[in-house]
Structures are given as C-alpha cells and as structure tokens.
Amino acid sequence: MKPALRLVHDNPRPVIKGSLRPFRLWNARTATFLPHRYFAMSLTTHRAAHWETNFVRVGVTLEVLNVETGACLGQYTKTPTGTRVWWAPREQMSWKALR
C-alpha cells in the first residue's frame, strides 16, 4: 500500500557519489537544493526540514534526499494550518542513514 501523503512530481533528483554530507534539503517546487543545508545524518536533516517549513510559503514541499542513492527519505509540505509530514518506510532507510 502506498502512503496517501506522498507527493508525485516529475522533477529529476540529482545523484552525487562520494559526498561527506549526503543528506540534503530539496525544494520540490523550484527543483533546487536549499543553499548551505547539507548534513551528515538524516535525523538532523529531518529536523532542519521541519524547521525550514516555518519560513516558506503555503504549498511548498521540502524533501529530505540522500544524494548518494537519490532516495527521498521524507517530505514536509507547508499547509495553511501547519506542516504535513511523510517519512519513507523503514525498509527504504538503512541503519547507516539513521546514524
């Protein structure tokens, strides 16, 4: 069963091999990375994405990406009443990613 909150879009997500900080925030609306938001741990990236949704316009979706694999680990969408959150299923995340 697919999660109901996952957004589908056609923006290509880049893959970068050998990065020291592979977890990044991706703005799905503009198809760009947020500047200076590169992280070594996915949990820190999720916290930063939740924090950044406080400062974006309604309807903007921020994604937590692992640029080494191209996997989307979570999405945070700003709504008029708060933030809608979607996390990747546990089997998609590795223990290395959850350091």
PDB file of N, CA and C in Angstrom:
ATOM      1  N   MET A   1       0.838  -1.177   0.000  1.00  0.00           N
ATOM      2  CA  MET A   1       0.000   0.000   0.000  1.00  0.00           C
ATOM      3  C   MET A   1       0.884   1.241   0.000  1.00  0.00           C
ATOM      4  N   LYS A   2       0.597   2.169  -0.874  1.00  0.00           N
ATOM      5  CA  LYS A   2       1.367   3.404  -0.962  1.00  0.00           C
ATOM      6  C   LYS A   2       0.836   4.419   0.044  1.00  0.00           C
ATOM      7  N   PRO A   3       1.715   5.223   0.647  1.00  0.00           N
ATOM      8  CA  PRO A   3       1.259   6.243   1.582  1.00  0.00           C
ATOM      9  C   PRO A   3       0.421   7.300   0.880  1.00  0.00           C
ATOM     10  N   ALA A   4      -0.603   7.781   1.573  1.00  0.00           N
ATOM     11  CA  ALA A   4      -1.525   8.751   0.984  1.00  0.00           C
ATOM     12  C   ALA A   4      -0.910  10.142   0.867  1.00  0.00           C
ATOM     13  N   LEU A   5       0.085  10.449   1.686  1.00  0.00           N
ATOM     14  CA  LEU A   5       0.614  11.803   1.718  1.00  0.00           C
ATOM     15  C   LEU A   5       1.751  12.032   0.734  1.00  0.00           C
ATOM     16  N   ARG A   6       2.260  10.993   0.131  1.00  0.00           N
ATOM     17  CA  ARG A   6       3.411  11.160  -0.763  1.00  0.00           C
ATOM     18  C   ARG A   6       3.008  11.944  -2.006  1.00  0.00           C
ATOM     19  N   LEU A   7       3.781  12.967  -2.313  1.00  0.00           N
ATOM     20  CA  LEU A   7       3.534  13.781  -3.492  1.00  0.00           C
ATOM     21  C   LEU A   7       4.307  13.212  -4.677  1.00  0.00           C
ATOM     22  N   VAL A   8       3.722  13.254  -5.836  1.00  0.00           N
ATOM     23  CA  VAL A   8       4.367  12.760  -7.032  1.00  0.00           C
ATOM     24  C   VAL A   8       4.676  13.942  -7.935  1.00  0.00           C
ATOM     25  N   HIS A   9       5.901  14.032  -8.387  1.00  0.00           N
ATOM     26  CA  HIS A   9       6.291  15.109  -9.288  1.00  0.00           C
ATOM     27  C   HIS A   9       7.314  14.578 -10.273  1.00  0.00           C
ATOM     28  N   ASP A  10       7.566  15.337 -11.315  1.00  0.00           N
ATOM     29  CA  ASP A  10       8.459  14.915 -12.382  1.00  0.00           C
ATOM     30  C   ASP A  10       9.840  15.545 -12.293  1.00  0.00           C
ATOM     31  N   ASN A  11      10.153  16.209 -11.184  1.00  0.00           N
ATOM     32  CA  ASN A  11      11.456  16.853 -11.059  1.00  0.00           C
ATOM     33  C   ASN A  11      12.541  15.794 -10.927  1.00  0.00           C
ATOM     34  N   PRO A  12      13.581  15.860 -11.746  1.00  0.00           N
ATOM     35  CA  PRO A  12      14.677  14.896 -11.602  1.00  0.00           C
ATOM     36  C   PRO A  12      15.492  15.212 -10.354  1.00  0.00           C
ATOM     37  N   ARG A  13      15.828  14.190  -9.609  1.00  0.00           N
ATOM     38  CA  ARG A  13      16.646  14.366  -8.415  1.00  0.00           C
ATOM     39  C   ARG A  13      18.075  13.970  -8.748  1.00  0.00           C
ATOM     40  N   PRO A  14      19.047  14.838  -8.493  1.00  0.00           N
ATOM     41  CA  PRO A  14      20.428  14.530  -8.843  1.00  0.00           C
ATOM     42  C   PRO A  14      21.032  13.478  -7.925  1.00  0.00           C
ATOM     43  N   VAL A  15      22.008  12.741  -8.428  1.00  0.00           N
ATOM     44  CA  VAL A  15      22.758  11.751  -7.657  1.00  0.00           C
ATOM     45  C   VAL A  15      24.218  12.175  -7.665  1.00  0.00           C
ATOM     46  N   ILE A  16      24.811  12.283  -6.457  1.00  0.00           N
ATOM     47  CA  ILE A  16      26.202  12.703  -6.307  1.00  0.00           C
ATOM     48  C   ILE A  16      26.911  11.629  -5.483  1.00  0.00           C
ATOM     49  N   LYS A  17      27.909  11.006  -6.037  1.00  0.00           N
ATOM     50  CA  LYS A  17      28.643   9.939  -5.343  1.00  0.00           C
ATOM     51  C   LYS A  17      29.806  10.504  -4.539  1.00  0.00           C
ATOM     52  N   GLY A  18      30.091   9.862  -3.395  1.00  0.00           N
ATOM     53  CA  GLY A  18      31.262  10.207  -2.599  1.00  0.00           C
ATOM     54  C   GLY A  18      31.156  11.493  -1.813  1.00  0.00           C
ATOM     55  N   SER A  19      29.977  11.879  -1.387  1.00  0.00           N
ATOM     56  CA  SER A  19      29.798  13.120  -0.638  1.00  0.00           C
ATOM     57  C   SER A  19      29.989  12.872   0.857  1.00  0.00           C
ATOM     58  N   LEU A  20      30.652  13.807   1.557  1.00  0.00           N
ATOM     59  CA  LEU A  20      30.803  13.694   3.003  1.00  0.00           C
ATOM     60  C   LEU A  20      29.507  14.044   3.732  1.00  0.00           C
ATOM     61  N   ARG A  21      28.676  14.858   3.105  1.00  0.00           N
ATOM     62  CA  ARG A  21      27.377  15.243   3.663  1.00  0.00           C
ATOM     63  C   ARG A  21      26.301  14.900   2.638  1.00  0.00           C
ATOM     64  N   PRO A  22      25.865  13.637   2.610  1.00  0.00           N
ATOM     65  CA  PRO A  22      24.971  13.191   1.532  1.00  0.00           C
ATOM     66  C   PRO A  22      23.505  13.565   1.710  1.00  0.00           C
ATOM     67  N   PHE A  23      23.107  14.029   2.883  1.00  0.00           N
ATOM     68  CA  PHE A  23      21.693  14.330   3.111  1.00  0.00           C
ATOM     69  C   PHE A  23      21.442  15.814   2.890  1.00  0.00           C
ATOM     70  N   ARG A  24      20.487  16.105   2.015  1.00  0.00           N
ATOM     71  CA  ARG A  24      20.247  17.493   1.630  1.00  0.00           C
ATOM     72  C   ARG A  24      18.761  17.790   1.561  1.00  0.00           C
ATOM     73  N   LEU A  25      18.439  19.086   1.627  1.00  0.00           N
ATOM     74  CA  LEU A  25      17.054  19.538   1.506  1.00  0.00           C
ATOM     75  C   LEU A  25      16.812  19.989   0.077  1.00  0.00           C
ATOM     76  N   TRP A  26      15.728  19.494  -0.502  1.00  0.00           N
ATOM     77  CA  TRP A  26      15.372  19.739  -1.904  1.00  0.00           C
ATOM     78  C   TRP A  26      14.027  20.431  -1.943  1.00  0.00           C
ATOM     79  N   ASN A  27      13.954  21.566  -2.618  1.00  0.00           N
ATOM     80  CA  ASN A  27      12.689  22.269  -2.800  1.00  0.00           C
ATOM     81  C   ASN A  27      12.030  21.693  -4.052  1.00  0.00           C
ATOM     82  N   ALA A  28      10.911  20.992  -3.883  1.00  0.00           N
ATOM     83  CA  ALA A  28      10.261  20.304  -5.000  1.00  0.00           C
ATOM     84  C   ALA A  28       9.615  21.286  -5.976  1.00  0.00           C
ATOM     85  N   ARG A  29       9.249  22.461  -5.508  1.00  0.00           N
ATOM     86  CA  ARG A  29       8.597  23.428  -6.394  1.00  0.00           C
ATOM     87  C   ARG A  29       9.596  24.049  -7.371  1.00  0.00           C
ATOM     88  N   THR A  30      10.752  24.443  -6.883  1.00  0.00           N
ATOM     89  CA  THR A  30      11.750  25.087  -7.741  1.00  0.00           C
ATOM     90  C   THR A  30      12.789  24.116  -8.283  1.00  0.00           C
ATOM     91  N   ALA A  31      12.774  22.876  -7.814  1.00  0.00           N
ATOM     92  CA  ALA A  31      13.730  21.838  -8.231  1.00  0.00           C
ATOM     93  C   ALA A  31      15.170  22.257  -7.971  1.00  0.00           C
ATOM     94  N   THR A  32      15.416  22.781  -6.759  1.00  0.00           N
ATOM     95  CA  THR A  32      16.766  23.185  -6.368  1.00  0.00           C
ATOM     96  C   THR A  32      17.025  22.743  -4.934  1.00  0.00           C
ATOM     97  N   PHE A  33      18.309  22.596  -4.609  1.00  0.00           N
ATOM     98  CA  PHE A  33      18.690  22.341  -3.227  1.00  0.00           C
ATOM     99  C   PHE A  33      18.616  23.646  -2.448  1.00  0.00           C
ATOM    100  N   LEU A  34      18.281  23.573  -1.152  1.00  0.00           N
ATOM    101  CA  LEU A  34      18.369  24.755  -0.308  1.00  0.00           C
ATOM    102  C   LEU A  34      19.847  25.027  -0.063  1.00  0.00           C
ATOM    103  N   PRO A  35      20.281  26.264  -0.232  1.00  0.00           N
ATOM    104  CA  PRO A  35      21.711  26.552  -0.076  1.00  0.00           C
ATOM    105  C   PRO A  35      22.172  26.375   1.370  1.00  0.00           C
ATOM    106  N   HIS A  36      23.363  25.841   1.528  1.00  0.00           N
ATOM    107  CA  HIS A  36      24.013  25.668   2.833  1.00  0.00           C
ATOM    108  C   HIS A  36      23.244  24.725   3.751  1.00  0.00           C
ATOM    109  N   ARG A  37      22.441  23.814   3.212  1.00  0.00           N
ATOM    110  CA  ARG A  37      21.696  22.867   4.034  1.00  0.00           C
ATOM    111  C   ARG A  37      22.110  21.458   3.656  1.00  0.00           C
ATOM    112  N   TYR A  38      23.368  21.096   3.965  1.00  0.00           N
ATOM    113  CA  TYR A  38      23.910  19.771   3.699  1.00  0.00           C
ATOM    114  C   TYR A  38      24.258  19.130   5.037  1.00  0.00           C
ATOM    115  N   PHE A  39      23.887  17.865   5.231  1.00  0.00           N
ATOM    116  CA  PHE A  39      24.021  17.223   6.533  1.00  0.00           C
ATOM    117  C   PHE A  39      24.660  15.852   6.406  1.00  0.00           C
ATOM    118  N   ALA A  40      25.302  15.408   7.487  1.00  0.00           N
ATOM    119  CA  ALA A  40      25.916  14.082   7.533  1.00  0.00           C
ATOM    120  C   ALA A  40      24.951  13.030   8.065  1.00  0.00           C
ATOM    121  N   MET A  41      23.933  13.430   8.836  1.00  0.00           N
ATOM    122  CA  MET A  41      22.980  12.480   9.427  1.00  0.00           C
ATOM    123  C   MET A  41      21.568  12.808   8.968  1.00  0.00           C
ATOM    124  N   SER A  42      20.781  11.770   8.704  1.00  0.00           N
ATOM    125  CA  SER A  42      19.429  12.002   8.191  1.00  0.00           C
ATOM    126  C   SER A  42      18.508  12.592   9.252  1.00  0.00           C
ATOM    127  N   LEU A  43      18.695  12.233  10.519  1.00  0.00           N
ATOM    128  CA  LEU A  43      17.822  12.765  11.569  1.00  0.00           C
ATOM    129  C   LEU A  43      17.976  14.285  11.678  1.00  0.00           C
ATOM    130  N   THR A  44      19.190  14.775  11.590  1.00  0.00           N
ATOM    131  CA  THR A  44      19.434  16.218  11.615  1.00  0.00           C
ATOM    132  C   THR A  44      18.794  16.892  10.408  1.00  0.00           C
ATOM    133  N   THR A  45      18.812  16.215   9.275  1.00  0.00           N
ATOM    134  CA  THR A  45      18.211  16.761   8.060  1.00  0.00           C
ATOM    135  C   THR A  45      16.699  16.846   8.201  1.00  0.00           C
ATOM    136  N   HIS A  46      16.088  15.843   8.821  1.00  0.00           N
ATOM    137  CA  HIS A  46      14.641  15.881   9.054  1.00  0.00           C
ATOM    138  C   HIS A  46      14.271  17.036   9.991  1.00  0.00           C
ATOM    139  N   ARG A  47      15.067  17.245  11.021  1.00  0.00           N
ATOM    140  CA  ARG A  47      14.805  18.371  11.936  1.00  0.00           C
ATOM    141  C   ARG A  47      14.919  19.708  11.207  1.00  0.00           C
ATOM    142  N   ALA A  48      15.931  19.832  10.359  1.00  0.00           N
ATOM    143  CA  ALA A  48      16.120  21.074   9.610  1.00  0.00           C
ATOM    144  C   ALA A  48      14.972  21.307   8.630  1.00  0.00           C
ATOM    145  N   ALA A  49      14.485  20.242   7.992  1.00  0.00           N
ATOM    146  CA  ALA A  49      13.364  20.379   7.056  1.00  0.00           C
ATOM    147  C   ALA A  49      12.112  20.840   7.787  1.00  0.00           C
ATOM    148  N   HIS A  50      11.870  20.265   8.964  1.00  0.00           N
ATOM    149  CA  HIS A  50      10.709  20.685   9.750  1.00  0.00           C
ATOM    150  C   HIS A  50      10.848  22.157  10.157  1.00  0.00           C
ATOM    151  N   TRP A  51      12.037  22.563  10.526  1.00  0.00           N
ATOM    152  CA  TRP A  51      12.290  23.951  10.908  1.00  0.00           C
ATOM    153  C   TRP A  51      12.119  24.892   9.710  1.00  0.00           C
ATOM    154  N   GLU A  52      12.640  24.509   8.545  1.00  0.00           N
ATOM    155  CA  GLU A  52      12.576  25.363   7.361  1.00  0.00           C
ATOM    156  C   GLU A  52      11.146  25.575   6.860  1.00  0.00           C
ATOM    157  N   THR A  53      10.239  24.630   7.123  1.00  0.00           N
ATOM    158  CA  THR A  53       8.858  24.811   6.671  1.00  0.00           C
ATOM    159  C   THR A  53       8.175  25.968   7.388  1.00  0.00           C
ATOM    160  N   ASN A  54       8.727  26.428   8.487  1.00  0.00           N
ATOM    161  CA  ASN A  54       8.163  27.594   9.161  1.00  0.00           C
ATOM    162  C   ASN A  54       8.348  28.871   8.340  1.00  0.00           C
ATOM    163  N   PHE A  55       9.308  28.877   7.426  1.00  0.00           N
ATOM    164  CA  PHE A  55       9.682  30.101   6.734  1.00  0.00           C
ATOM    165  C   PHE A  55       9.373  30.093   5.239  1.00  0.00           C
ATOM    166  N   VAL A  56       8.695  29.064   4.750  1.00  0.00           N
ATOM    167  CA  VAL A  56       8.348  29.007   3.323  1.00  0.00           C
ATOM    168  C   VAL A  56       6.866  29.309   3.150  1.00  0.00           C
ATOM    169  N   ARG A  57       6.465  29.550   1.913  1.00  0.00           N
ATOM    170  CA  ARG A  57       5.066  29.853   1.618  1.00  0.00           C
ATOM    171  C   ARG A  57       4.213  28.586   1.653  1.00  0.00           C
ATOM    172  N   VAL A  58       2.915  28.768   1.789  1.00  0.00           N
ATOM    173  CA  VAL A  58       1.981  27.647   1.798  1.00  0.00           C
ATOM    174  C   VAL A  58       2.042  26.933   0.447  1.00  0.00           C
ATOM    175  N   GLY A  59       2.113  25.613   0.494  1.00  0.00           N
ATOM    176  CA  GLY A  59       2.147  24.802  -0.713  1.00  0.00           C
ATOM    177  C   GLY A  59       3.534  24.337  -1.118  1.00  0.00           C
ATOM    178  N   VAL A  60       4.570  24.866  -0.481  1.00  0.00           N
ATOM    179  CA  VAL A  60       5.937  24.470  -0.823  1.00  0.00           C
ATOM    180  C   VAL A  60       6.252  23.149  -0.129  1.00  0.00           C
ATOM    181  N   THR A  61       6.890  22.236  -0.863  1.00  0.00           N
ATOM    182  CA  THR A  61       7.291  20.939  -0.325  1.00  0.00           C
ATOM    183  C   THR A  61       8.803  20.860  -0.265  1.00  0.00           C
ATOM    184  N   LEU A  62       9.320  20.545   0.918  1.00  0.00           N
ATOM    185  CA  LEU A  62      10.747  20.307   1.100  1.00  0.00           C
ATOM    186  C   LEU A  62      10.954  18.812   1.257  1.00  0.00           C
ATOM    187  N   GLU A  63      11.932  18.272   0.547  1.00  0.00           N
ATOM    188  CA  GLU A  63      12.212  16.851   0.613  1.00  0.00           C
ATOM    189  C   GLU A  63      13.582  16.624   1.227  1.00  0.00           C
ATOM    190  N   VAL A  64      13.697  15.547   2.001  1.00  0.00           N
ATOM    191  CA  VAL A  64      14.975  15.114   2.537  1.00  0.00           C
ATOM    192  C   VAL A  64      15.515  14.062   1.575  1.00  0.00           C
ATOM    193  N   LEU A  65      16.651  14.366   0.938  1.00  0.00           N
ATOM    194  CA  LEU A  65      17.229  13.461  -0.059  1.00  0.00           C
ATOM    195  C   LEU A  65      18.575  12.929   0.394  1.00  0.00           C
ATOM    196  N   ASN A  66      18.838  11.684   0.012  1.00  0.00           N
ATOM    197  CA  ASN A  66      20.166  11.115   0.112  1.00  0.00           C
ATOM    198  C   ASN A  66      20.746  11.186  -1.290  1.00  0.00           C
ATOM    199  N   VAL A  67      21.702  12.076  -1.525  1.00  0.00           N
ATOM    200  CA  VAL A  67      22.187  12.296  -2.883  1.00  0.00           C
ATOM    201  C   VAL A  67      23.090  11.176  -3.380  1.00  0.00           C
ATOM    202  N   GLU A  68      23.571  10.312  -2.487  1.00  0.00           N
ATOM    203  CA  GLU A  68      24.374   9.183  -2.932  1.00  0.00           C
ATOM    204  C   GLU A  68      23.519   8.124  -3.612  1.00  0.00           C
ATOM    205  N   THR A  69      22.283   7.964  -3.141  1.00  0.00           N
ATOM    206  CA  THR A  69      21.387   6.954  -3.722  1.00  0.00           C
ATOM    207  C   THR A  69      20.238   7.570  -4.501  1.00  0.00           C
ATOM    208  N   GLY A  70      19.974   8.853  -4.302  1.00  0.00           N
ATOM    209  CA  GLY A  70      18.841   9.504  -4.950  1.00  0.00           C
ATOM    210  C   GLY A  70      17.518   9.226  -4.260  1.00  0.00           C
ATOM    211  N   ALA A  71      17.548   8.631  -3.063  1.00  0.00           N
ATOM    212  CA  ALA A  71      16.327   8.254  -2.347  1.00  0.00           C
ATOM    213  C   ALA A  71      15.733   9.444  -1.608  1.00  0.00           C
ATOM    214  N   CYS A  72      14.406   9.542  -1.665  1.00  0.00           N
ATOM    215  CA  CYS A  72      13.670  10.540  -0.894  1.00  0.00           C
ATOM    216  C   CYS A  72      13.328   9.917   0.453  1.00  0.00           C
ATOM    217  N   LEU A  73      13.841  10.484   1.544  1.00  0.00           N
ATOM    218  CA  LEU A  73      13.632   9.926   2.875  1.00  0.00           C
ATOM    219  C   LEU A  73      12.482  10.582   3.629  1.00  0.00           C
ATOM    220  N   GLY A  74      11.930  11.656   3.088  1.00  0.00           N
ATOM    221  CA  GLY A  74      10.811  12.318   3.742  1.00  0.00           C
ATOM    222  C   GLY A  74      10.415  13.575   3.010  1.00  0.00           C
ATOM    223  N   GLN A  75       9.143  13.987   3.229  1.00  0.00           N
ATOM    224  CA  GLN A  75       8.636  15.211   2.614  1.00  0.00           C
ATOM    225  C   GLN A  75       7.901  16.028   3.671  1.00  0.00           C
ATOM    226  N   TYR A  76       8.105  17.333   3.615  1.00  0.00           N
ATOM    227  CA  TYR A  76       7.464  18.263   4.529  1.00  0.00           C
ATOM    228  C   TYR A  76       6.770  19.325   3.680  1.00  0.00           C
ATOM    229  N   THR A  77       5.448  19.403   3.773  1.00  0.00           N
ATOM    230  CA  THR A  77       4.672  20.345   2.968  1.00  0.00           C
ATOM    231  C   THR A  77       4.009  21.358   3.886  1.00  0.00           C
ATOM    232  N   LYS A  78       4.191  22.638   3.568  1.00  0.00           N
ATOM    233  CA  LYS A  78       3.564  23.703   4.350  1.00  0.00           C
ATOM    234  C   LYS A  78       2.103  23.812   3.950  1.00  0.00           C
ATOM    235  N   THR A  79       1.201  23.762   4.917  1.00  0.00           N
ATOM    236  CA  THR A  79      -0.238  23.914   4.692  1.00  0.00           C
ATOM    237  C   THR A  79      -0.717  25.138   5.466  1.00  0.00           C
ATOM    238  N   PRO A  80      -1.927  25.615   5.206  1.00  0.00           N
ATOM    239  CA  PRO A  80      -2.417  26.784   5.953  1.00  0.00           C
ATOM    240  C   PRO A  80      -2.537  26.545   7.461  1.00  0.00           C
ATOM    241  N   THR A  81      -2.683  25.291   7.873  1.00  0.00           N
ATOM    242  CA  THR A  81      -2.862  25.003   9.292  1.00  0.00           C
ATOM    243  C   THR A  81      -1.653  24.380   9.962  1.00  0.00           C
ATOM    244  N   GLY A  82      -0.570  24.150   9.218  1.00  0.00           N
ATOM    245  CA  GLY A  82       0.607  23.533   9.821  1.00  0.00           C
ATOM    246  C   GLY A  82       1.506  22.902   8.776  1.00  0.00           C
ATOM    247  N   THR A  83       2.085  21.767   9.127  1.00  0.00           N
ATOM    248  CA  THR A  83       3.003  21.061   8.239  1.00  0.00           C
ATOM    249  C   THR A  83       2.548  19.623   8.067  1.00  0.00           C
ATOM    250  N   ARG A  84       2.475  19.176   6.809  1.00  0.00           N
ATOM    251  CA  ARG A  84       2.130  17.778   6.518  1.00  0.00           C
ATOM    252  C   ARG A  84       3.441  17.026   6.308  1.00  0.00           C
ATOM    253  N   VAL A  85       3.594  15.899   7.018  1.00  0.00           N
ATOM    254  CA  VAL A  85       4.861  15.172   7.031  1.00  0.00           C
ATOM    255  C   VAL A  85       4.672  13.781   6.453  1.00  0.00           C
ATOM    256  N   TRP A  86       5.634  13.344   5.626  1.00  0.00           N
ATOM    257  CA  TRP A  86       5.677  11.972   5.142  1.00  0.00           C
ATOM    258  C   TRP A  86       7.101  11.471   5.300  1.00  0.00           C
ATOM    259  N   TRP A  87       7.257  10.329   5.988  1.00  0.00           N
ATOM    260  CA  TRP A  87       8.562   9.695   6.136  1.00  0.00           C
ATOM    261  C   TRP A  87       8.592   8.444   5.288  1.00  0.00           C
ATOM    262  N   ALA A  88       9.759   8.114   4.758  1.00  0.00           N
ATOM    263  CA  ALA A  88       9.926   6.900   3.961  1.00  0.00           C
ATOM    264  C   ALA A  88       9.699   5.674   4.844  1.00  0.00           C
ATOM    265  N   PRO A  89       9.218   4.564   4.256  1.00  0.00           N
ATOM    266  CA  PRO A  89       9.082   3.335   5.033  1.00  0.00           C
ATOM    267  C   PRO A  89      10.422   2.890   5.602  1.00  0.00           C
ATOM    268  N   ARG A  90      10.375   2.193   6.719  1.00  0.00           N
ATOM    269  CA  ARG A  90      11.584   1.783   7.430  1.00  0.00           C
ATOM    270  C   ARG A  90      12.511   0.928   6.560  1.00  0.00           C
ATOM    271  N   GLU A  91      11.948   0.065   5.712  1.00  0.00           N
ATOM    272  CA  GLU A  91      12.797  -0.796   4.898  1.00  0.00           C
ATOM    273  C   GLU A  91      13.542  -0.016   3.815  1.00  0.00           C
ATOM    274  N   GLN A  92      13.069   1.175   3.464  1.00  0.00           N
ATOM    275  CA  GLN A  92      13.763   2.003   2.483  1.00  0.00           C
ATOM    276  C   GLN A  92      14.976   2.689   3.106  1.00  0.00           C
ATOM    277  N   MET A  93      14.895   2.964   4.416  1.00  0.00           N
ATOM    278  CA  MET A  93      16.011   3.614   5.112  1.00  0.00           C
ATOM    279  C   MET A  93      16.955   2.536   5.617  1.00  0.00           C
ATOM    280  N   SER A  94      18.233   2.823   5.558  1.00  0.00           N
ATOM    281  CA  SER A  94      19.222   1.880   6.090  1.00  0.00           C
ATOM    282  C   SER A  94      19.644   2.365   7.467  1.00  0.00           C
ATOM    283  N   TRP A  95      20.253   1.469   8.245  1.00  0.00           N
ATOM    284  CA  TRP A  95      20.739   1.864   9.564  1.00  0.00           C
ATOM    285  C   TRP A  95      21.860   2.889   9.425  1.00  0.00           C
ATOM    286  N   LYS A  96      22.616   2.790   8.337  1.00  0.00           N
ATOM    287  CA  LYS A  96      23.665   3.774   8.111  1.00  0.00           C
ATOM    288  C   LYS A  96      23.066   5.168   7.927  1.00  0.00           C
ATOM    289  N   ALA A  97      21.911   5.221   7.276  1.00  0.00           N
ATOM    290  CA  ALA A  97      21.260   6.507   7.032  1.00  0.00           C
ATOM    291  C   ALA A  97      20.695   7.109   8.311  1.00  0.00           C
ATOM    292  N   LEU A  98      20.380   6.284   9.308  1.00  0.00           N
ATOM    293  CA  LEU A  98      19.761   6.781  10.535  1.00  0.00           C
ATOM    294  C   LEU A  98      20.764   7.081  11.643  1.00  0.00           C
ATOM    295  N   ARG A  99      22.072   7.075  11.328  1.00  0.00           N
ATOM    296  CA  ARG A  99      23.101   7.297  12.332  1.00  0.00           C
ATOM    297  C   ARG A  99      22.718   8.262  13.392  1.00  0.00           C
TER     298      ARG A  99
END
